[in-house]
Amino acid sequence: MVSKSAKTLLLLAFGSLLHSAYSAYEAVWKTQGVSRNNLPFDIVAECLLSTAAIVVITVLSSDELKPISLHKASHLEPDSAFLSYRPNFLDIRKRREQYKATLEEK
């Protein structure tokens, strides 16, 4: 469960990200006739810092990961007949010998 302080920090970081997006929109709109290639440094810094804050807060406030068990993840039991038809479980040497035998018969 995410703590209340983490939720508050995430809300502030999202607000900062939205503010930087709106500031970038205004900066581009005001410079329509001029070169639009460069955004002011403070807008870029605010965007990068708020994005980094969102990532760090999300990672640090997440619950501990738990291992996944196959019997809990699916209700299907592995079938040995099914597994033998998968290409990475085939005996390549045996198949090669069978192929050579069919070529010799022709």
Foldseek 3Di string as FASTA:
>chain_A
DFDPVLVVQLVVLVVLLVVLVVQLVVQQVVQVVHDSPDDDPVSVVSNVVSVVSNVVSCVVRDDDDDDDDPVVVDVDDDDPVVVCPDVVNDDVVVVVVVVVVVVVVD
